[in-house]
N, C-alpha and C. Protein backbone atom coordinates (compact mmCIF):
# COMPACT_ATOMS: atom_id res chain seq x y z
N MET A 1 1.06 -1.01 -0.20
CA MET A 1 0.09 -0.05 0.04
C MET A 1 0.78 1.30 0.01
N ASP A 2 1.86 1.14 0.44
CA ASP A 2 3.12 2.71 0.90
C ASP A 2 3.51 2.85 -1.19
N ILE A 3 3.67 1.67 -1.28
CA ILE A 3 3.94 1.74 -3.04
C ILE A 3 3.03 3.06 -3.69
N LEU A 4 2.05 2.49 -3.56
CA LEU A 4 0.83 3.33 -4.30
C LEU A 4 0.29 4.67 -3.37
N TRP A 5 0.75 5.26 -2.15
CA TRP A 5 0.87 6.60 -1.76
C TRP A 5 1.92 7.37 -2.43
N TRP A 6 2.95 6.30 -2.26
CA TRP A 6 4.57 7.45 -2.60
C TRP A 6 3.99 7.97 -4.67
N GLY A 7 3.56 6.79 -5.35
CA GLY A 7 3.75 6.97 -6.43
C GLY A 7 2.17 8.19 -6.48
N LEU A 8 1.35 7.85 -5.95
CA LEU A 8 -0.04 9.11 -6.05
C LEU A 8 1.15 10.64 -5.36
N THR A 9 2.02 10.43 -4.51
CA THR A 9 2.15 11.59 -4.25
C THR A 9 3.38 12.35 -5.26
N ILE A 10 4.09 11.29 -6.06
CA ILE A 10 4.75 11.89 -6.95
C ILE A 10 4.64 12.19 -7.92
N VAL A 11 3.10 11.68 -8.43
CA VAL A 11 2.43 12.04 -9.88
C VAL A 11 1.65 13.31 -9.29
N LEU A 12 1.61 14.11 -8.04
CA LEU A 12 0.99 15.18 -7.41
C LEU A 12 1.89 16.25 -7.64
N PHE A 13 3.23 15.94 -7.38
CA PHE A 13 4.19 16.55 -7.54
C PHE A 13 4.45 17.20 -8.46
N ALA A 14 4.49 16.21 -9.47
CA ALA A 14 5.25 15.69 -10.87
C ALA A 14 4.22 16.91 -11.28
N LEU A 15 2.30 16.68 -11.40
CA LEU A 15 1.77 17.32 -12.09
C LEU A 15 1.88 18.92 -11.88
N SER A 16 2.00 19.16 -10.21
CA SER A 16 2.13 20.15 -10.05
C SER A 16 3.42 21.26 -10.81
N PHE A 17 4.88 21.04 -11.20
CA PHE A 17 5.65 20.97 -11.83
C PHE A 17 5.17 21.47 -13.28
N VAL A 18 4.38 20.27 -13.89
CA VAL A 18 3.82 20.34 -15.08
C VAL A 18 2.69 21.85 -15.45
N GLY A 19 2.23 21.90 -14.10
CA GLY A 19 1.32 23.01 -13.91
C GLY A 19 1.94 24.79 -14.41
N ILE A 20 3.19 24.27 -14.37
CA ILE A 20 4.11 25.83 -14.47
C ILE A 20 4.01 26.03 -16.19
N ILE A 21 4.12 24.78 -16.86
CA ILE A 21 4.23 25.31 -18.10
C ILE A 21 2.94 25.67 -18.63
N TYR A 22 2.08 24.61 -18.08
CA TYR A 22 0.47 24.72 -18.88
C TYR A 22 -0.38 24.84 -17.59
N PRO A 23 -0.61 26.67 -17.91
CA PRO A 23 -1.54 27.02 -16.40
C PRO A 23 -3.11 26.61 -16.39
N ILE A 24 -3.57 25.51 -17.36
CA ILE A 24 -4.93 25.01 -17.28
C ILE A 24 -5.00 24.16 -15.76
N ILE A 25 -3.60 23.43 -15.25
CA ILE A 25 -3.81 22.86 -14.72
C ILE A 25 -3.86 23.50 -13.26
N PRO A 26 -4.03 23.15 -12.25
CA PRO A 26 -3.93 24.10 -10.71
C PRO A 26 -2.39 23.52 -9.80
N SER A 27 -1.77 24.22 -10.40
CA SER A 27 -0.45 23.71 -9.52
C SER A 27 -0.87 23.61 -8.22
N VAL A 28 -0.86 24.39 -7.60
CA VAL A 28 -1.26 24.72 -6.07
C VAL A 28 -2.35 23.56 -5.27
N VAL A 29 -2.94 23.20 -6.17
CA VAL A 29 -4.06 22.26 -5.56
C VAL A 29 -2.80 20.92 -5.76
N ALA A 30 -2.33 20.80 -6.43
CA ALA A 30 -1.84 19.20 -7.10
C ALA A 30 -1.00 19.54 -5.85
N ILE A 31 0.14 20.17 -5.76
CA ILE A 31 1.04 20.23 -4.73
C ILE A 31 0.58 20.06 -3.38
N TRP A 32 -0.74 20.96 -3.14
CA TRP A 32 -1.32 20.75 -1.39
C TRP A 32 -1.70 19.14 -1.73
N GLY A 33 -2.31 18.38 -2.38
CA GLY A 33 -2.49 17.04 -2.50
C GLY A 33 -1.45 15.98 -2.03
N GLY A 34 -0.59 16.77 -2.77
CA GLY A 34 0.82 15.72 -2.55
C GLY A 34 1.05 15.94 -1.03
N PHE A 35 0.80 16.99 -0.25
CA PHE A 35 1.57 17.13 1.01
C PHE A 35 0.41 16.64 1.87
N ALA A 36 -0.59 16.36 1.16
CA ALA A 36 -1.96 15.57 2.21
C ALA A 36 -1.58 14.35 2.00
N VAL A 37 -1.20 13.84 0.95
CA VAL A 37 -0.92 12.64 0.96
C VAL A 37 -0.11 11.67 1.56
N TYR A 38 1.00 12.37 1.81
CA TYR A 38 2.02 12.61 2.44
C TYR A 38 1.98 12.39 4.17
N GLN A 39 1.52 13.74 4.53
CA GLN A 39 0.92 14.16 5.71
C GLN A 39 -0.15 12.82 6.37
N PHE A 40 -0.99 12.64 5.62
CA PHE A 40 -2.72 11.56 6.47
C PHE A 40 -2.49 10.57 6.33
N LEU A 41 -1.24 9.92 5.30
CA LEU A 41 -1.29 8.43 4.77
C LEU A 41 0.32 7.85 4.55
N ILE A 42 1.27 8.46 4.62
CA ILE A 42 2.31 8.09 4.47
C ILE A 42 3.30 8.52 6.02
N ASN A 43 3.01 9.38 6.36
CA ASN A 43 4.10 9.72 7.63
C ASN A 43 3.38 10.76 8.30
N PRO A 44 2.68 11.38 9.19
CA PRO A 44 1.86 11.80 10.19
C PRO A 44 2.87 12.76 10.93
N ASP A 45 4.25 12.57 11.01
CA ASP A 45 5.25 13.29 12.23
C ASP A 45 6.15 13.88 11.92
N GLU A 46 6.01 13.94 10.54
CA GLU A 46 7.38 14.23 9.78
C GLU A 46 6.95 15.77 9.41
N LEU A 47 6.24 16.19 8.97
CA LEU A 47 5.87 17.81 8.54
C LEU A 47 5.86 18.51 10.16
N SER A 48 6.30 19.25 10.26
CA SER A 48 6.69 20.35 11.60
C SER A 48 5.31 21.38 11.21
N LEU A 49 5.02 22.56 12.26
CA LEU A 49 3.97 23.57 12.06
C LEU A 49 4.76 24.62 11.22
N TRP A 50 5.89 24.71 11.09
CA TRP A 50 6.84 25.87 10.36
C TRP A 50 6.61 25.01 8.69
N PHE A 51 6.17 24.01 8.70
CA PHE A 51 6.34 23.36 7.37
C PHE A 51 5.09 24.51 6.72
N TRP A 52 3.75 23.92 7.47
CA TRP A 52 2.51 23.99 6.89
C TRP A 52 2.65 26.02 7.32
N ILE A 53 2.98 26.24 8.31
CA ILE A 53 2.90 27.80 8.04
C ILE A 53 3.09 28.46 6.64
N SER A 54 4.88 27.74 6.44
CA SER A 54 5.60 28.15 5.24
C SER A 54 4.65 28.28 4.12
N MET A 55 4.26 27.16 3.95
CA MET A 55 3.32 26.53 3.09
C MET A 55 2.12 27.44 2.41
N VAL A 56 1.50 27.53 3.38
CA VAL A 56 0.30 28.46 3.40
C VAL A 56 0.21 29.90 3.19
N VAL A 57 1.54 30.46 3.47
CA VAL A 57 2.31 32.27 3.12
C VAL A 57 2.81 31.89 1.75
N LEU A 58 3.89 31.02 1.09
CA LEU A 58 4.28 30.75 -0.34
C LEU A 58 3.07 30.40 -1.06
N SER A 59 1.74 29.93 -0.48
CA SER A 59 0.94 29.52 -1.52
C SER A 59 -0.10 31.07 -1.57
N GLY A 60 -0.01 31.22 -0.63
CA GLY A 60 -0.79 32.95 -0.84
C GLY A 60 -0.14 33.83 -1.55
N VAL A 61 1.17 34.24 -1.50
CA VAL A 61 2.17 34.57 -2.32
C VAL A 61 1.79 34.08 -4.00
N LEU A 62 2.11 32.90 -4.14
CA LEU A 62 2.07 32.22 -5.44
C LEU A 62 0.45 32.86 -6.56
N ILE A 63 -0.87 32.52 -5.46
CA ILE A 63 -2.46 32.85 -5.95
C ILE A 63 -1.74 34.17 -6.27
N ALA A 64 -1.32 34.58 -5.39
CA ALA A 64 -1.51 36.28 -5.54
C ALA A 64 -0.43 37.17 -6.77
N ALA A 65 0.55 36.37 -7.09
CA ALA A 65 1.45 36.79 -7.89
C ALA A 65 0.80 36.44 -9.44
N ASP A 66 -0.37 35.04 -9.32
CA ASP A 66 -0.83 34.63 -10.35
C ASP A 66 -1.91 35.66 -10.79
N ILE A 67 -2.66 36.21 -9.62
CA ILE A 67 -3.94 37.05 -10.06
C ILE A 67 -3.32 38.31 -10.56
N ILE A 68 -2.23 38.88 -10.11
CA ILE A 68 -1.70 40.06 -10.69
C ILE A 68 -0.92 39.77 -11.95
N ALA A 69 -0.01 38.96 -12.19
CA ALA A 69 0.69 38.90 -12.94
C ALA A 69 -0.88 39.07 -14.39
N ASN A 70 -1.87 38.13 -14.39
CA ASN A 70 -3.15 37.33 -15.02
C ASN A 70 -3.67 39.06 -15.59
N SER A 71 -4.29 39.81 -14.45
CA SER A 71 -4.66 41.09 -14.56
C SER A 71 -3.82 42.38 -15.41
N TYR A 72 -2.85 42.12 -14.93
CA TYR A 72 -1.92 43.33 -16.00
C TYR A 72 -1.58 42.51 -17.32
N PHE A 73 -1.40 41.72 -17.57
CA PHE A 73 -1.11 41.21 -19.50
C PHE A 73 -2.60 41.16 -19.99
N VAL A 74 -3.87 41.10 -19.07
CA VAL A 74 -5.09 41.20 -19.68
C VAL A 74 -5.49 42.65 -20.28
N LYS A 75 -4.92 43.71 -19.12
CA LYS A 75 -4.76 45.01 -19.77
C LYS A 75 -3.97 45.19 -20.65
N LYS A 76 -2.97 45.03 -20.61
CA LYS A 76 -1.87 45.24 -21.33
C LYS A 76 -2.57 44.47 -23.29
N TYR A 77 -3.25 43.41 -22.74
CA TYR A 77 -2.75 42.95 -24.81
C TYR A 77 -4.40 42.60 -24.85
N GLY A 78 -5.60 44.09 -23.89
CA GLY A 78 -6.64 43.76 -24.12
C GLY A 78 -7.67 42.80 -24.27
N GLY A 79 -7.94 42.33 -23.19
CA GLY A 79 -8.43 41.00 -22.90
C GLY A 79 -9.74 41.63 -22.29
N GLN A 80 -10.85 40.53 -22.66
CA GLN A 80 -12.69 40.80 -22.54
C GLN A 80 -13.08 39.71 -21.46
N LYS A 81 -13.65 39.96 -21.08
CA LYS A 81 -15.11 38.66 -20.51
C LYS A 81 -15.70 37.66 -21.38
N TYR A 82 -16.21 38.70 -22.41
CA TYR A 82 -17.17 37.72 -23.20
C TYR A 82 -16.12 37.62 -24.40
N PRO A 83 -16.96 36.55 -25.57
CA PRO A 83 -15.74 36.52 -26.53
C PRO A 83 -16.32 37.34 -27.54
N ARG A 84 -15.90 37.84 -28.70
CA ARG A 84 -16.60 38.64 -29.82
C ARG A 84 -17.01 37.99 -31.10
N GLN A 85 -18.43 38.18 -31.64
CA GLN A 85 -19.18 37.69 -32.30
C GLN A 85 -19.26 38.10 -33.47
C-alpha cells in the first residue's frame, strides 16, 4: 500500500511542475494534494508546524502573483470577459 501512496504523491508533485508550463493544471491544488497524501497517509509526524505555515504563506504569494500577472497582461493586451461575435 505504501507504493501506491508514494506513487500518488510523486504524480501529484510532478503534476504541479507540469502546471508551471500548462496553466490549465491547478499547480497549487496538486502540490497541496501531494502534501496531504504524504502527511495523512505516509508519515504523519514528519512535517512540522513551520512547514505548514510557510506553505500557506507561499501558496498565498503564488496565488496573489498569479492574479496580479493575469490582470496586468489582460489589461496590456486587451482581454475581455465575453468572446467577440
